Amino acid sequence: MIDIESNFFKIFPKKCGFIFLHSHPDDESFLNAGFIQFLVKFKKNVHIIYTSAGLVKNIQLTSQRQKEAYCACNKLGLNQLVFLNYCDNLHSESSDTISTSNPKLVANEILKITKEILPEGTVPVFVSYDRNGGYGHVDHQALHEIGKVLISLNHLVIESTMNRDLFFNWIKEAQGRIDALLIPLRSYWSDNPWLQAKEITHCYVLKKDEIETKKQTLLAHKSQIHFNQFPAGLDESDYQDIFGVEYFRISK
């Protein structure tokens, strides 16, 4: 795997801005909190567009999750957030979801917003999801399809993922060693979540302070993350094993 920090200008244009495409509040903390911190410190233009955190049947939950997103991202030094009006598939009673929308139309909507929020002359770098949609959520899978549209339009898209091999090996080793609440339910994922190590092309290695901040951003999502459960409840060693490196696939 290629280390992003050491090869930054070999990978990305000099004058670039980053548009992180995430489905739901808390996805940014799981997948990209370390890399976002690096980019903010590096004085890069960074924005997050949430594609499935808009109006849902539970308006109170929508408001709460968006407030949690701002709280988490403020800890990363980031407050440029955009929420599209598509529903989380799990909370929708209608067809206003990413998974039922035309990916080309959504991609054009994202490009229009990108043009408005990035300074003129800035090359956008989009951060999307791997082909499995991470753990298999339909909103994540749909976002991968949107990323493919952006690639077809000659935009640079890097795909966030996790190291499936490392994660599965850790779960196997941790069984019986730690509390069951600290091990995620395998049934929550698809059969083939994320990517195997051999498919991952790039990584970002978090520094110690970035790892701690990443945990704090997860805890900011109080409606989703509990301090005594996976992942926030893990001890420092286990947490670093799973979340101390962030993984990406960049297709040439």
C-alpha atoms as a PDB file:
ATOM      1  CA  MET A   1       0.000   0.000   0.000  1.00  0.00           C
ATOM      2  CA  ILE A   2       1.141   3.521  -0.766  1.00  0.00           C
ATOM      3  CA  ASP A   3       1.303   5.904   2.194  1.00  0.00           C
ATOM      4  CA  ILE A   4      -0.774   8.961   1.332  1.00  0.00           C
ATOM      5  CA  GLU A   5       1.036  11.423   3.597  1.00  0.00           C
ATOM      6  CA  SER A   6       4.480  10.646   2.158  1.00  0.00           C
ATOM      7  CA  ASN A   7       3.251  10.698  -1.451  1.00  0.00           C
ATOM      8  CA  PHE A   8       0.614  13.409  -1.276  1.00  0.00           C
ATOM      9  CA  PHE A   9       1.729  15.506  -4.255  1.00  0.00           C
ATOM     10  CA  LYS A  10       2.366  12.409  -6.351  1.00  0.00           C
ATOM     11  CA  ILE A  11      -1.249  11.380  -5.842  1.00  0.00           C
ATOM     12  CA  PHE A  12      -3.189  14.649  -5.814  1.00  0.00           C
ATOM     13  CA  PRO A  13      -3.032  17.893  -7.827  1.00  0.00           C
ATOM     14  CA  LYS A  14      -1.259  20.742  -6.070  1.00  0.00           C
ATOM     15  CA  LYS A  15      -4.329  23.006  -5.990  1.00  0.00           C
ATOM     16  CA  CYS A  16      -7.029  20.579  -4.926  1.00  0.00           C
ATOM     17  CA  GLY A  17      -9.951  20.501  -2.533  1.00  0.00           C
ATOM     18  CA  PHE A  18     -11.555  17.446  -0.989  1.00  0.00           C
ATOM     19  CA  ILE A  19     -15.240  16.581  -1.131  1.00  0.00           C
ATOM     20  CA  PHE A  20     -15.995  13.681   1.197  1.00  0.00           C
ATOM     21  CA  LEU A  21     -19.180  11.941   0.118  1.00  0.00           C
ATOM     22  CA  HIS A  22     -20.732  10.157   3.064  1.00  0.00           C
ATOM     23  CA  SER A  23     -24.111   8.547   3.407  1.00  0.00           C
ATOM     24  CA  HIS A  24     -24.869   9.168   7.072  1.00  0.00           C
ATOM     25  CA  PRO A  25     -23.514  11.108  10.046  1.00  0.00           C
ATOM     26  CA  ASP A  26     -20.925   8.906  11.838  1.00  0.00           C
ATOM     27  CA  ASP A  27     -19.623   7.388   8.561  1.00  0.00           C
ATOM     28  CA  GLU A  28     -17.063  10.188   8.376  1.00  0.00           C
ATOM     29  CA  SER A  29     -15.754   9.296  11.849  1.00  0.00           C
ATOM     30  CA  PHE A  30     -15.445   5.578  11.172  1.00  0.00           C
ATOM     31  CA  LEU A  31     -13.697   5.944   7.827  1.00  0.00           C
ATOM     32  CA  ASN A  32     -11.956   9.293   7.418  1.00  0.00           C
ATOM     33  CA  ALA A  33     -11.497  11.183  10.700  1.00  0.00           C
ATOM     34  CA  GLY A  34      -7.709  10.818  10.627  1.00  0.00           C
ATOM     35  CA  PHE A  35      -7.277  11.802   6.988  1.00  0.00           C
ATOM     36  CA  ILE A  36      -9.621  14.764   7.442  1.00  0.00           C
ATOM     37  CA  GLN A  37      -7.521  16.012  10.364  1.00  0.00           C
ATOM     38  CA  PHE A  38      -4.403  15.762   8.222  1.00  0.00           C
ATOM     39  CA  LEU A  39      -6.014  17.710   5.377  1.00  0.00           C
ATOM     40  CA  VAL A  40      -7.299  20.447   7.691  1.00  0.00           C
ATOM     41  CA  LYS A  41      -3.833  20.831   9.259  1.00  0.00           C
ATOM     42  CA  PHE A  42      -2.417  20.842   5.735  1.00  0.00           C
ATOM     43  CA  LYS A  43      -4.662  23.866   4.984  1.00  0.00           C
ATOM     44  CA  LYS A  44      -6.621  22.046   2.316  1.00  0.00           C
ATOM     45  CA  ASN A  45     -10.195  22.938   1.370  1.00  0.00           C
ATOM     46  CA  VAL A  46     -12.312  20.161   2.894  1.00  0.00           C
ATOM     47  CA  HIS A  47     -16.073  19.652   2.759  1.00  0.00           C
ATOM     48  CA  ILE A  48     -18.444  16.802   3.548  1.00  0.00           C
ATOM     49  CA  ILE A  49     -21.613  16.164   1.568  1.00  0.00           C
ATOM     50  CA  TYR A  50     -23.987  13.782   3.335  1.00  0.00           C
ATOM     51  CA  THR A  51     -26.129  12.073   0.746  1.00  0.00           C
ATOM     52  CA  SER A  52     -28.608  10.189   2.946  1.00  0.00           C
ATOM     53  CA  ALA A  53     -29.117  12.317   6.030  1.00  0.00           C
ATOM     54  CA  GLY A  54     -31.859  14.652   4.887  1.00  0.00           C
ATOM     55  CA  LEU A  55     -35.550  14.663   5.636  1.00  0.00           C
ATOM     56  CA  VAL A  56     -36.763  11.357   7.028  1.00  0.00           C
ATOM     57  CA  LYS A  57     -39.986  10.246   8.700  1.00  0.00           C
ATOM     58  CA  ASN A  58     -38.397  10.935  12.085  1.00  0.00           C
ATOM     59  CA  ILE A  59     -37.654  14.656  11.870  1.00  0.00           C
ATOM     60  CA  GLN A  60     -36.383  14.758  15.446  1.00  0.00           C
ATOM     61  CA  LEU A  61     -33.816  12.052  14.675  1.00  0.00           C
ATOM     62  CA  THR A  62     -32.784  13.876  11.509  1.00  0.00           C
ATOM     63  CA  SER A  63     -32.138  17.071  13.449  1.00  0.00           C
ATOM     64  CA  GLN A  64     -30.261  15.227  16.173  1.00  0.00           C
ATOM     65  CA  ARG A  65     -27.999  13.345  13.762  1.00  0.00           C
ATOM     66  CA  GLN A  66     -27.165  16.504  11.834  1.00  0.00           C
ATOM     67  CA  LYS A  67     -26.288  18.313  15.064  1.00  0.00           C
ATOM     68  CA  GLU A  68     -24.090  15.361  16.021  1.00  0.00           C
ATOM     69  CA  ALA A  69     -22.367  15.603  12.634  1.00  0.00           C
ATOM     70  CA  TYR A  70     -21.490  19.256  13.275  1.00  0.00           C
ATOM     71  CA  CYS A  71     -20.253  18.411  16.773  1.00  0.00           C
ATOM     72  CA  ALA A  72     -18.063  15.573  15.480  1.00  0.00           C
ATOM     73  CA  CYS A  73     -16.671  17.548  12.553  1.00  0.00           C
ATOM     74  CA  ASN A  74     -15.903  20.569  14.726  1.00  0.00           C
ATOM     75  CA  LYS A  75     -13.526  18.304  16.629  1.00  0.00           C
ATOM     76  CA  LEU A  76     -11.781  17.699  13.296  1.00  0.00           C
ATOM     77  CA  GLY A  77     -11.554  21.438  12.614  1.00  0.00           C
ATOM     78  CA  LEU A  78     -14.214  21.179   9.943  1.00  0.00           C
ATOM     79  CA  ASN A  79     -17.597  22.894   9.691  1.00  0.00           C
ATOM     80  CA  GLN A  80     -18.284  22.889   5.953  1.00  0.00           C
ATOM     81  CA  LEU A  81     -21.118  20.352   5.812  1.00  0.00           C
ATOM     82  CA  VAL A  82     -23.853  19.900   3.218  1.00  0.00           C
ATOM     83  CA  PHE A  83     -26.914  17.683   3.675  1.00  0.00           C
ATOM     84  CA  LEU A  84     -28.750  16.531   0.576  1.00  0.00           C
ATOM     85  CA  ASN A  85     -32.477  15.930   0.883  1.00  0.00           C
ATOM     86  CA  TYR A  86     -32.355  12.185   0.411  1.00  0.00           C
ATOM     87  CA  CYS A  87     -33.484   9.870   3.186  1.00  0.00           C
ATOM     88  CA  ASP A  88     -31.645   7.127   4.967  1.00  0.00           C
ATOM     89  CA  ASN A  89     -33.047   4.003   3.350  1.00  0.00           C
ATOM     90  CA  LEU A  90     -33.806   2.545   6.788  1.00  0.00           C
ATOM     91  CA  HIS A  91     -35.953   5.535   7.759  1.00  0.00           C
ATOM     92  CA  SER A  92     -37.758   6.301   4.527  1.00  0.00           C
ATOM     93  CA  GLU A  93     -41.397   5.553   3.736  1.00  0.00           C
ATOM     94  CA  SER A  94     -41.156   6.854   0.181  1.00  0.00           C
ATOM     95  CA  SER A  95     -38.847   6.747  -2.832  1.00  0.00           C
ATOM     96  CA  ASP A  96     -36.720   9.774  -1.871  1.00  0.00           C
ATOM     97  CA  THR A  97     -33.568   7.767  -1.256  1.00  0.00           C
ATOM     98  CA  ILE A  98     -30.202   7.602  -2.975  1.00  0.00           C
ATOM     99  CA  SER A  99     -30.719   3.919  -3.738  1.00  0.00           C
ATOM    100  CA  THR A 100     -33.855   4.682  -5.770  1.00  0.00           C
ATOM    101  CA  SER A 101     -32.413   7.758  -7.504  1.00  0.00           C
ATOM    102  CA  ASN A 102     -30.598   8.068 -10.821  1.00  0.00           C
ATOM    103  CA  PRO A 103     -26.864   8.139  -9.966  1.00  0.00           C
ATOM    104  CA  LYS A 104     -26.138  10.460 -12.894  1.00  0.00           C
ATOM    105  CA  LEU A 105     -28.636  13.016 -11.619  1.00  0.00           C
ATOM    106  CA  VAL A 106     -27.262  12.846  -8.087  1.00  0.00           C
ATOM    107  CA  ALA A 107     -23.693  13.147  -9.400  1.00  0.00           C
ATOM    108  CA  ASN A 108     -24.681  16.293 -11.304  1.00  0.00           C
ATOM    109  CA  GLU A 109     -26.266  17.686  -8.142  1.00  0.00           C
ATOM    110  CA  ILE A 110     -23.020  17.031  -6.272  1.00  0.00           C
ATOM    111  CA  LEU A 111     -20.961  18.663  -9.034  1.00  0.00           C
ATOM    112  CA  LYS A 112     -23.152  21.760  -8.925  1.00  0.00           C
ATOM    113  CA  ILE A 113     -22.662  22.062  -5.162  1.00  0.00           C
ATOM    114  CA  THR A 114     -18.929  21.420  -5.534  1.00  0.00           C
ATOM    115  CA  LYS A 115     -18.617  24.286  -7.976  1.00  0.00           C
ATOM    116  CA  GLU A 116     -20.311  26.564  -5.456  1.00  0.00           C
ATOM    117  CA  ILE A 117     -18.252  25.606  -2.402  1.00  0.00           C
ATOM    118  CA  LEU A 118     -14.732  25.223  -3.811  1.00  0.00           C
ATOM    119  CA  PRO A 119     -12.717  28.299  -4.807  1.00  0.00           C
ATOM    120  CA  GLU A 120     -12.384  28.874  -8.532  1.00  0.00           C
ATOM    121  CA  GLY A 121      -9.498  26.939 -10.051  1.00  0.00           C
ATOM    122  CA  THR A 122      -9.518  24.274  -7.333  1.00  0.00           C
ATOM    123  CA  VAL A 123      -9.469  20.687  -8.592  1.00  0.00           C
ATOM    124  CA  PRO A 124     -12.022  18.572  -6.687  1.00  0.00           C
ATOM    125  CA  VAL A 125     -11.004  15.224  -5.249  1.00  0.00           C
ATOM    126  CA  PHE A 126     -14.032  13.146  -4.317  1.00  0.00           C
ATOM    127  CA  VAL A 127     -13.950  10.554  -1.564  1.00  0.00           C
ATOM    128  CA  SER A 128     -16.566   7.837  -1.979  1.00  0.00           C
ATOM    129  CA  TYR A 129     -17.056   4.161  -0.986  1.00  0.00           C
ATOM    130  CA  ASP A 130     -15.698   0.854  -2.227  1.00  0.00           C
ATOM    131  CA  ARG A 131     -17.636  -1.414  -4.589  1.00  0.00           C
ATOM    132  CA  ASN A 132     -19.178  -3.356  -1.685  1.00  0.00           C
ATOM    133  CA  GLY A 133     -20.610  -0.231  -0.139  1.00  0.00           C
ATOM    134  CA  GLY A 134     -18.510  -0.763   2.964  1.00  0.00           C
ATOM    135  CA  TYR A 135     -20.429  -3.209   5.114  1.00  0.00           C
ATOM    136  CA  GLY A 136     -23.174  -3.468   2.479  1.00  0.00           C
ATOM    137  CA  HIS A 137     -25.705  -0.733   3.314  1.00  0.00           C
ATOM    138  CA  VAL A 138     -27.748   0.071   0.202  1.00  0.00           C
ATOM    139  CA  ASP A 139     -27.098   3.799   0.637  1.00  0.00           C
ATOM    140  CA  HIS A 140     -23.360   3.109   0.612  1.00  0.00           C
ATOM    141  CA  GLN A 141     -23.673   0.897  -2.461  1.00  0.00           C
ATOM    142  CA  ALA A 142     -25.593   3.656  -4.243  1.00  0.00           C
ATOM    143  CA  LEU A 143     -22.900   6.170  -3.320  1.00  0.00           C
ATOM    144  CA  HIS A 144     -20.300   3.902  -4.903  1.00  0.00           C
ATOM    145  CA  GLU A 145     -22.321   4.040  -8.134  1.00  0.00           C
ATOM    146  CA  ILE A 146     -22.342   7.828  -7.931  1.00  0.00           C
ATOM    147  CA  GLY A 147     -18.567   7.723  -7.525  1.00  0.00           C
ATOM    148  CA  LYS A 148     -18.339   5.641 -10.700  1.00  0.00           C
ATOM    149  CA  VAL A 149     -20.278   8.337 -12.553  1.00  0.00           C
ATOM    150  CA  LEU A 150     -17.829  10.975 -11.318  1.00  0.00           C
ATOM    151  CA  ILE A 151     -14.928   8.813 -12.510  1.00  0.00           C
ATOM    152  CA  SER A 152     -16.569   8.503 -15.940  1.00  0.00           C
ATOM    153  CA  LEU A 153     -16.633  12.311 -16.055  1.00  0.00           C
ATOM    154  CA  ASN A 154     -12.854  12.334 -15.486  1.00  0.00           C
ATOM    155  CA  HIS A 155     -12.925  13.363 -11.856  1.00  0.00           C
ATOM    156  CA  LEU A 156     -10.481  11.920  -9.352  1.00  0.00           C
ATOM    157  CA  VAL A 157     -12.325   9.665  -6.913  1.00  0.00           C
ATOM    158  CA  ILE A 158     -10.716   7.791  -4.059  1.00  0.00           C
ATOM    159  CA  GLU A 159     -12.731   5.057  -2.396  1.00  0.00           C
ATOM    160  CA  SER A 160     -12.818   4.692   1.393  1.00  0.00           C
ATOM    161  CA  THR A 161     -12.788   1.177   2.722  1.00  0.00           C
ATOM    162  CA  MET A 162     -11.592  -0.948   5.612  1.00  0.00           C
ATOM    163  CA  ASN A 163      -9.129  -3.812   5.587  1.00  0.00           C
ATOM    164  CA  ARG A 164     -11.434  -6.844   5.619  1.00  0.00           C
ATOM    165  CA  ASP A 165      -8.622  -9.307   6.315  1.00  0.00           C
ATOM    166  CA  LEU A 166      -7.315  -7.352   9.283  1.00  0.00           C
ATOM    167  CA  PHE A 167     -10.800  -6.788  10.697  1.00  0.00           C
ATOM    168  CA  PHE A 168     -11.879 -10.416  10.423  1.00  0.00           C
ATOM    169  CA  ASN A 169      -8.604 -11.636  11.934  1.00  0.00           C
ATOM    170  CA  TRP A 170      -9.026  -9.220  14.825  1.00  0.00           C
ATOM    171  CA  ILE A 171     -12.579 -10.418  15.497  1.00  0.00           C
ATOM    172  CA  LYS A 172     -11.444 -14.037  15.491  1.00  0.00           C
ATOM    173  CA  GLU A 173      -8.611 -13.268  17.921  1.00  0.00           C
ATOM    174  CA  ALA A 174     -10.780 -11.103  20.178  1.00  0.00           C
ATOM    175  CA  GLN A 175     -13.531 -13.697  20.651  1.00  0.00           C
ATOM    176  CA  GLY A 176     -13.505 -14.729  24.297  1.00  0.00           C
ATOM    177  CA  ARG A 177     -10.778 -12.208  25.148  1.00  0.00           C
ATOM    178  CA  ILE A 178     -12.976  -9.121  25.388  1.00  0.00           C
ATOM    179  CA  ASP A 179     -16.597  -8.394  26.274  1.00  0.00           C
ATOM    180  CA  ALA A 180     -19.069  -9.440  23.573  1.00  0.00           C
ATOM    181  CA  LEU A 181     -20.439  -5.872  23.447  1.00  0.00           C
ATOM    182  CA  LEU A 182     -17.052  -4.771  22.126  1.00  0.00           C
ATOM    183  CA  ILE A 183     -17.242  -7.098  19.114  1.00  0.00           C
ATOM    184  CA  PRO A 184     -19.487  -5.964  16.241  1.00  0.00           C
ATOM    185  CA  LEU A 185     -22.299  -8.252  15.122  1.00  0.00           C
ATOM    186  CA  ARG A 186     -21.196 -10.070  11.975  1.00  0.00           C
ATOM    187  CA  SER A 187     -24.843 -10.430  10.906  1.00  0.00           C
ATOM    188  CA  TYR A 188     -25.008  -6.649  10.488  1.00  0.00           C
ATOM    189  CA  TRP A 189     -22.726  -6.830   7.437  1.00  0.00           C
ATOM    190  CA  SER A 190     -22.991  -8.268   3.960  1.00  0.00           C
ATOM    191  CA  ASP A 191     -21.153 -11.508   3.139  1.00  0.00           C
ATOM    192  CA  ASN A 192     -18.230  -9.614   1.573  1.00  0.00           C
ATOM    193  CA  PRO A 193     -17.833  -6.254   3.285  1.00  0.00           C
ATOM    194  CA  TRP A 194     -15.140  -3.688   2.426  1.00  0.00           C
ATOM    195  CA  LEU A 195     -12.056  -4.859   0.512  1.00  0.00           C
ATOM    196  CA  GLN A 196      -9.368  -7.465   0.977  1.00  0.00           C
ATOM    197  CA  ALA A 197      -5.885  -6.172   1.755  1.00  0.00           C
ATOM    198  CA  LYS A 198      -4.629  -7.054  -1.733  1.00  0.00           C
ATOM    199  CA  GLU A 199      -7.273  -4.766  -3.286  1.00  0.00           C
ATOM    200  CA  ILE A 200      -6.356  -1.728  -1.203  1.00  0.00           C
ATOM    201  CA  THR A 201      -3.927   0.651  -2.914  1.00  0.00           C
ATOM    202  CA  HIS A 202      -3.383   3.487  -0.393  1.00  0.00           C
ATOM    203  CA  CYS A 203      -3.526   4.164   3.321  1.00  0.00           C
ATOM    204  CA  TYR A 204      -3.233   6.978   5.820  1.00  0.00           C
ATOM    205  CA  VAL A 205      -1.521   6.139   9.127  1.00  0.00           C
ATOM    206  CA  LEU A 206      -2.964   8.139  12.008  1.00  0.00           C
ATOM    207  CA  LYS A 207      -0.777   9.844  14.559  1.00  0.00           C
ATOM    208  CA  LYS A 208      -1.485   9.232  18.245  1.00  0.00           C
ATOM    209  CA  ASP A 209      -3.394  12.487  18.742  1.00  0.00           C
ATOM    210  CA  GLU A 210      -5.425  11.831  15.583  1.00  0.00           C
ATOM    211  CA  ILE A 211      -6.453   8.409  16.884  1.00  0.00           C
ATOM    212  CA  GLU A 212      -7.718   9.933  20.137  1.00  0.00           C
ATOM    213  CA  THR A 213      -9.599  12.678  18.293  1.00  0.00           C
ATOM    214  CA  LYS A 214     -11.129  10.047  16.018  1.00  0.00           C
ATOM    215  CA  LYS A 215     -12.564   8.291  19.062  1.00  0.00           C
ATOM    216  CA  GLN A 216     -13.952  11.581  20.347  1.00  0.00           C
ATOM    217  CA  THR A 217     -15.680  12.236  17.026  1.00  0.00           C
ATOM    218  CA  LEU A 218     -17.319   8.810  17.199  1.00  0.00           C
ATOM    219  CA  LEU A 219     -18.577   9.564  20.705  1.00  0.00           C
ATOM    220  CA  ALA A 220     -20.102  12.810  19.422  1.00  0.00           C
ATOM    221  CA  HIS A 221     -22.636  10.670  17.543  1.00  0.00           C
ATOM    222  CA  LYS A 222     -24.510   9.901  20.755  1.00  0.00           C
ATOM    223  CA  SER A 223     -27.600   8.509  19.052  1.00  0.00           C
ATOM    224  CA  GLN A 224     -25.483   5.871  17.279  1.00  0.00           C
ATOM    225  CA  ILE A 225     -22.355   5.211  19.349  1.00  0.00           C
ATOM    226  CA  HIS A 226     -22.300   4.023  22.972  1.00  0.00           C
ATOM    227  CA  PHE A 227     -19.206   4.562  25.100  1.00  0.00           C
ATOM    228  CA  ASN A 228     -19.159   0.985  26.421  1.00  0.00           C
ATOM    229  CA  GLN A 229     -19.752  -0.793  23.112  1.00  0.00           C
ATOM    230  CA  PHE A 230     -17.900  -1.244  19.821  1.00  0.00           C
ATOM    231  CA  PRO A 231     -15.958   0.729  18.792  1.00  0.00           C
ATOM    232  CA  ALA A 232     -15.703   3.473  21.406  1.00  0.00           C
ATOM    233  CA  GLY A 233     -15.395   1.022  24.291  1.00  0.00           C
ATOM    234  CA  LEU A 234     -12.284  -0.689  22.938  1.00  0.00           C
ATOM    235  CA  ASP A 235      -9.054  -0.248  24.868  1.00  0.00           C
ATOM    236  CA  GLU A 236      -6.272   1.788  23.299  1.00  0.00           C
ATOM    237  CA  SER A 237      -4.461  -1.194  21.778  1.00  0.00           C
ATOM    238  CA  ASP A 238      -7.502  -2.790  20.133  1.00  0.00           C
ATOM    239  CA  TYR A 239      -8.800   0.567  18.939  1.00  0.00           C
ATOM    240  CA  GLN A 240      -5.471   1.365  17.310  1.00  0.00           C
ATOM    241  CA  ASP A 241      -5.356  -2.053  15.651  1.00  0.00           C
ATOM    242  CA  ILE A 242      -8.687  -1.420  13.926  1.00  0.00           C
ATOM    243  CA  PHE A 243      -8.802   2.344  13.446  1.00  0.00           C
ATOM    244  CA  GLY A 244      -5.162   3.447  13.511  1.00  0.00           C
ATOM    245  CA  VAL A 245      -4.925   3.202   9.727  1.00  0.00           C
ATOM    246  CA  GLU A 246      -7.478   4.414   7.166  1.00  0.00           C
ATOM    247  CA  TYR A 247      -7.663   2.593   3.856  1.00  0.00           C
ATOM    248  CA  PHE A 248      -8.428   3.650   0.286  1.00  0.00           C
ATOM    249  CA  ARG A 249      -8.536   2.324  -3.228  1.00  0.00           C
ATOM    250  CA  ILE A 250      -7.564   4.657  -6.054  1.00  0.00           C
ATOM    251  CA  SER A 251      -8.221   3.344  -9.546  1.00  0.00           C
ATOM    252  CA  LYS A 252      -6.018   4.680 -12.302  1.00  0.00           C
END
